[in-house]
Amino acid sequence: MKAFHTGDMAAALSVTRNYSDAIRAEAAKGTRFFVTPEGGVQGSRNARSDVLAPLMAAARDTHSVIVVGALSRDPARNMALAFYPSGRVNEYDKRHLLSPFEDRFTPGQAPGLLGNGLAVAICKDLDFPRTLRADVRAARYQNGIRIMAVPASDFMKDDWIHARMAIMRGVENGFAMVRSAFNGLETVSDAQGRLIASARIDRPGMIVISAAVSPGNGPTLYTRIGDAFSWLCVALSLGLGVGATRRNQGVS
């Protein structure tokens, strides 16, 4: 889901009300998991501020999980907030910040594990395979991560490649993904990398995509061994190169 950036508190409340209305409409059709873009809500000091009240109420009334990309000024945070029907709220801070645009933020230190196979990461976090592997391994006692929520923000020119980089993390680690991006692509993909639904986000206003996606199967071989096979291939290539060089020197 996409609305628009704002720094004004009254406008921010208008945004969360618009999100809430859209969520209620989609929930009436059976959707129970929602993701909004990175920084789509601005000015919220904490997860229980008045600005976010419409989203908390929507999660409760529709029995849905709602993951919201939000920015706060004091303290300066780029975060994702997960609202549950029970009233529980999980907070996650983006770990890989884009300099110089995000230098005012303090990077997060913990994975965004939400329990029951759900997790969250923000935009550039998905550019780092080791980070996502570590997240899945940290969730091993919860049977891994099955669905990843990704609030994001792109630059239009990089939307295709950036969305595909994120999808690749799901293939590597066995999770489906719901990615909602400003100035980019909203995507829903499964753990095999198949694109279930997408929409180009290049205009203001509310844009909604909805799709049914099966949770992934959890940790993969890559989750366990990482880049070991790639490094083995590099070592074998070097060994073959050295062997060929020595043979050529012997012939001459």
Protein backbone atom coordinates (compact mmCIF):
# COMPACT_ATOMS: atom_id res chain seq x y z
CA MET A 1 0.00 0.00 0.00
CA LYS A 2 1.22 3.51 -0.77
CA ALA A 3 0.01 6.91 0.34
CA PHE A 4 2.52 9.78 0.55
CA HIS A 5 5.30 11.27 2.66
CA THR A 6 4.44 14.08 5.07
CA GLY A 7 6.03 15.84 8.02
CA ASP A 8 2.88 17.60 9.25
CA MET A 9 1.05 15.92 12.14
CA ALA A 10 -2.44 16.68 10.83
CA ALA A 11 -1.49 15.42 7.39
CA ALA A 12 0.16 12.35 8.97
CA LEU A 13 -3.11 11.52 10.73
CA SER A 14 -4.91 11.89 7.42
CA VAL A 15 -2.46 9.39 5.90
CA THR A 16 -3.00 6.79 8.62
CA ARG A 17 -6.77 7.21 8.30
CA ASN A 18 -6.48 6.65 4.56
CA TYR A 19 -4.38 3.55 5.19
CA SER A 20 -6.91 2.35 7.74
CA ASP A 21 -9.82 2.81 5.31
CA ALA A 22 -7.98 0.89 2.58
CA ILE A 23 -7.02 -1.88 5.00
CA ARG A 24 -10.59 -2.28 6.20
CA ALA A 25 -11.82 -2.47 2.61
CA GLU A 26 -9.28 -5.17 1.69
CA ALA A 27 -9.86 -7.05 4.94
CA ALA A 28 -13.53 -7.28 4.03
CA LYS A 29 -12.35 -9.29 0.99
CA GLY A 30 -10.30 -11.63 3.18
CA THR A 31 -6.81 -10.08 3.32
CA ARG A 32 -5.19 -10.36 6.77
CA PHE A 33 -1.58 -9.18 6.25
CA PHE A 34 -0.70 -5.64 5.19
CA VAL A 35 2.53 -3.72 4.50
CA THR A 36 2.94 0.03 3.89
CA PRO A 37 6.02 1.80 2.41
CA GLU A 38 9.17 2.92 4.20
CA GLY A 39 8.59 6.22 5.98
CA GLY A 40 5.00 6.42 4.79
CA VAL A 41 3.95 7.72 8.20
CA GLN A 42 6.00 10.58 9.62
CA GLY A 43 5.96 12.40 12.92
CA SER A 44 5.05 9.43 15.15
CA ARG A 45 7.09 9.61 18.37
CA ASN A 46 6.18 6.09 19.46
CA ALA A 47 4.09 3.13 18.45
CA ARG A 48 1.08 4.24 20.47
CA SER A 49 0.86 7.86 19.32
CA ASP A 50 -2.41 9.41 18.20
CA VAL A 51 -1.14 9.41 14.60
CA LEU A 52 -1.01 5.61 14.61
CA ALA A 53 -4.26 5.02 16.48
CA PRO A 54 -6.31 4.38 13.28
CA LEU A 55 -3.92 1.58 12.30
CA MET A 56 -4.01 0.00 15.75
CA ALA A 57 -7.80 0.06 15.59
CA ALA A 58 -7.80 -1.44 12.07
CA ALA A 59 -5.57 -4.32 13.18
CA ARG A 60 -7.88 -5.02 16.13
CA ASP A 61 -11.16 -4.71 14.23
CA THR A 62 -10.12 -6.71 11.16
CA HIS A 63 -8.04 -9.33 13.02
CA SER A 64 -5.08 -8.46 10.80
CA VAL A 65 -1.33 -7.96 11.11
CA ILE A 66 -0.32 -4.53 9.76
CA VAL A 67 3.35 -3.64 9.18
CA VAL A 68 3.83 0.12 8.85
CA GLY A 69 6.90 2.02 7.65
CA ALA A 70 7.33 5.08 9.88
CA LEU A 71 9.76 7.91 10.63
CA SER A 72 10.07 9.81 13.88
CA ARG A 73 12.00 13.02 14.52
CA ASP A 74 12.72 12.90 18.22
CA PRO A 75 14.34 10.47 18.53
CA ALA A 76 15.23 10.16 14.84
CA ARG A 77 14.24 6.66 13.75
CA ASN A 78 13.54 4.86 10.48
CA MET A 79 11.39 2.03 11.73
CA ALA A 80 8.72 -0.51 10.98
CA LEU A 81 5.86 -1.08 13.40
CA ALA A 82 3.87 -4.30 13.39
CA PHE A 83 0.35 -4.02 14.83
CA TYR A 84 -1.53 -7.13 15.97
CA PRO A 85 -5.23 -7.72 16.69
CA SER A 86 -4.38 -8.27 20.36
CA GLY A 87 -2.98 -4.74 20.67
CA ARG A 88 0.62 -5.98 20.71
CA VAL A 89 3.10 -3.81 18.81
CA ASN A 90 6.57 -4.85 17.57
CA GLU A 91 9.14 -2.19 16.68
CA TYR A 92 12.05 -2.65 14.28
CA ASP A 93 14.79 -0.16 13.31
CA LYS A 94 16.42 -0.24 9.87
CA ARG A 95 19.95 -1.64 10.13
CA HIS A 96 21.55 -0.65 6.81
CA LEU A 97 21.12 3.09 6.31
CA LEU A 98 21.68 4.95 3.04
CA SER A 99 24.27 7.71 3.47
CA PRO A 100 24.04 10.70 3.39
CA PHE A 101 20.24 10.71 3.31
CA GLU A 102 19.81 8.68 6.50
CA ASP A 103 22.81 9.82 8.54
CA ARG A 104 20.49 11.30 11.17
CA PHE A 105 19.20 7.85 12.09
CA THR A 106 20.84 5.34 14.40
CA PRO A 107 21.02 1.90 12.76
CA GLY A 108 19.10 -0.90 14.41
CA GLN A 109 20.94 -3.80 16.02
CA ALA A 110 18.39 -6.64 16.05
CA PRO A 111 16.52 -8.69 13.45
CA GLY A 112 12.85 -7.97 12.88
CA LEU A 113 11.43 -11.29 14.00
CA LEU A 114 7.68 -11.10 14.56
CA GLY A 115 7.05 -14.75 15.46
CA ASN A 116 4.97 -17.45 13.76
CA GLY A 117 7.21 -17.38 10.70
CA LEU A 118 6.77 -13.62 10.10
CA ALA A 119 9.58 -11.08 9.97
CA VAL A 120 10.30 -7.54 8.78
CA ALA A 121 13.27 -5.78 7.20
CA ILE A 122 13.46 -2.35 5.58
CA CYS A 123 14.56 -1.58 2.02
CA LYS A 124 18.39 -1.57 1.92
CA ASP A 125 18.54 -4.32 4.56
CA LEU A 126 17.60 -6.68 1.71
CA ASP A 127 20.78 -5.75 -0.20
CA PHE A 128 22.86 -7.71 2.33
CA PRO A 129 22.64 -11.51 2.01
CA ARG A 130 24.54 -12.12 5.25
CA THR A 131 22.06 -10.01 7.20
CA LEU A 132 19.08 -11.97 5.93
CA ARG A 133 20.80 -15.32 6.42
CA ALA A 134 21.53 -14.32 10.01
CA ASP A 135 17.89 -13.33 10.50
CA VAL A 136 16.66 -16.70 9.28
CA ARG A 137 19.16 -18.54 11.43
CA ALA A 138 18.11 -16.46 14.44
CA ALA A 139 14.54 -17.60 13.77
CA ARG A 140 15.46 -21.29 13.56
CA TYR A 141 13.60 -22.10 16.78
CA GLN A 142 10.49 -20.63 15.12
CA ASN A 143 11.06 -22.84 12.06
CA GLY A 144 12.70 -19.98 10.21
CA ILE A 145 11.08 -17.08 8.38
CA ARG A 146 8.17 -17.96 6.08
CA ILE A 147 6.91 -14.49 5.08
CA MET A 148 8.98 -11.30 5.06
CA ALA A 149 7.37 -7.83 5.20
CA VAL A 150 9.48 -5.15 3.51
CA PRO A 151 8.62 -1.44 3.69
CA ALA A 152 10.88 0.18 1.08
CA SER A 153 11.65 3.35 -0.91
CA ASP A 154 13.38 3.39 -4.30
CA PHE A 155 14.51 6.00 -6.83
CA MET A 156 12.39 4.88 -9.83
CA LYS A 157 15.47 4.22 -12.01
CA ASP A 158 16.52 1.36 -9.73
CA ASP A 159 13.06 -0.04 -9.00
CA TRP A 160 13.28 -3.20 -11.11
CA ILE A 161 16.74 -4.30 -10.02
CA HIS A 162 16.18 -3.35 -6.37
CA ALA A 163 12.93 -5.31 -6.20
CA ARG A 164 14.63 -8.34 -7.78
CA MET A 165 17.54 -8.18 -5.34
CA ALA A 166 15.02 -8.36 -2.51
CA ILE A 167 13.16 -11.25 -4.13
CA MET A 168 16.48 -13.13 -4.39
CA ARG A 169 16.87 -13.01 -0.60
CA GLY A 170 13.60 -14.93 -0.34
CA VAL A 171 14.79 -17.57 -2.80
CA GLU A 172 18.06 -17.95 -0.90
CA ASN A 173 16.38 -18.41 2.46
CA GLY A 174 12.99 -19.94 1.77
CA PHE A 175 10.53 -17.12 2.47
CA ALA A 176 7.76 -15.38 0.55
CA MET A 177 7.82 -11.59 0.55
CA VAL A 178 5.44 -8.65 0.58
CA ARG A 179 7.38 -5.51 -0.44
CA SER A 180 5.76 -2.07 -0.47
CA ALA A 181 7.93 0.69 -1.98
CA PHE A 182 7.70 4.42 -2.55
CA ASN A 183 8.95 5.45 -6.02
CA GLY A 184 9.46 1.84 -7.03
CA LEU A 185 7.63 -1.46 -7.30
CA GLU A 186 5.18 -3.04 -4.92
CA THR A 187 5.69 -6.78 -5.19
CA VAL A 188 4.33 -9.99 -3.74
CA SER A 189 6.62 -12.96 -4.46
CA ASP A 190 6.85 -16.56 -3.33
CA ALA A 191 9.87 -18.44 -1.99
CA GLN A 192 10.73 -19.68 -5.49
CA GLY A 193 11.09 -16.11 -6.76
CA ARG A 194 7.85 -16.11 -8.73
CA LEU A 195 6.21 -12.70 -8.92
CA ILE A 196 2.60 -13.13 -7.78
CA ALA A 197 1.59 -9.46 -8.09
CA SER A 198 3.24 -6.09 -8.67
CA ALA A 199 2.43 -2.43 -9.25
CA ARG A 200 4.60 0.48 -10.30
CA ILE A 201 4.47 3.28 -7.73
CA ASP A 202 5.10 6.43 -9.75
CA ARG A 203 2.21 8.69 -8.78
CA PRO A 204 0.75 10.19 -5.56
CA GLY A 205 -2.22 8.76 -3.76
CA MET A 206 -3.27 5.34 -2.52
CA ILE A 207 -2.17 2.35 -4.60
CA VAL A 208 -3.13 -1.13 -3.40
CA ILE A 209 -2.18 -4.58 -4.62
CA SER A 210 -3.56 -7.73 -3.08
CA ALA A 211 -2.52 -11.33 -3.68
CA ALA A 212 -2.63 -14.77 -2.09
CA VAL A 213 0.88 -16.13 -1.51
CA SER A 214 1.89 -19.33 0.24
CA PRO A 215 4.44 -19.08 3.07
CA GLY A 216 7.89 -20.38 2.19
CA ASN A 217 9.27 -23.66 3.49
CA GLY A 218 11.87 -22.02 5.71
CA PRO A 219 15.67 -22.37 5.85
CA THR A 220 17.44 -23.67 2.75
CA LEU A 221 20.84 -25.19 2.04
CA TYR A 222 22.09 -21.69 1.30
CA THR A 223 20.89 -20.56 4.73
CA ARG A 224 23.12 -23.24 6.27
CA ILE A 225 26.27 -23.00 4.13
CA GLY A 226 26.08 -19.47 2.72
CA ASP A 227 28.63 -18.71 -0.01
CA ALA A 228 30.74 -21.79 0.70
CA PHE A 229 29.93 -23.33 -2.71
CA SER A 230 30.80 -20.06 -4.50
CA TRP A 231 34.15 -19.85 -2.73
CA LEU A 232 34.79 -23.50 -3.54
CA CYS A 233 34.23 -22.71 -7.22
CA VAL A 234 36.65 -19.78 -6.96
CA ALA A 235 39.26 -22.01 -5.31
CA LEU A 236 38.82 -24.71 -7.97
CA SER A 237 39.12 -22.12 -10.75
CA LEU A 238 42.33 -20.77 -9.24
CA GLY A 239 43.67 -24.31 -8.85
CA LEU A 240 42.89 -25.14 -12.47
CA GLY A 241 44.51 -21.89 -13.58
CA VAL A 242 47.68 -22.57 -11.62
CA GLY A 243 47.80 -26.15 -12.94
CA ALA A 244 47.38 -25.00 -16.54
CA THR A 245 50.14 -22.39 -16.12
CA ARG A 246 52.56 -24.98 -14.75
CA ARG A 247 51.81 -27.40 -17.59
CA ASN A 248 52.41 -24.66 -20.15
CA GLN A 249 55.71 -23.76 -18.50
CA GLY A 250 56.73 -27.44 -18.56
CA VAL A 251 56.01 -27.70 -22.27
CA SER A 252 58.03 -24.59 -23.12
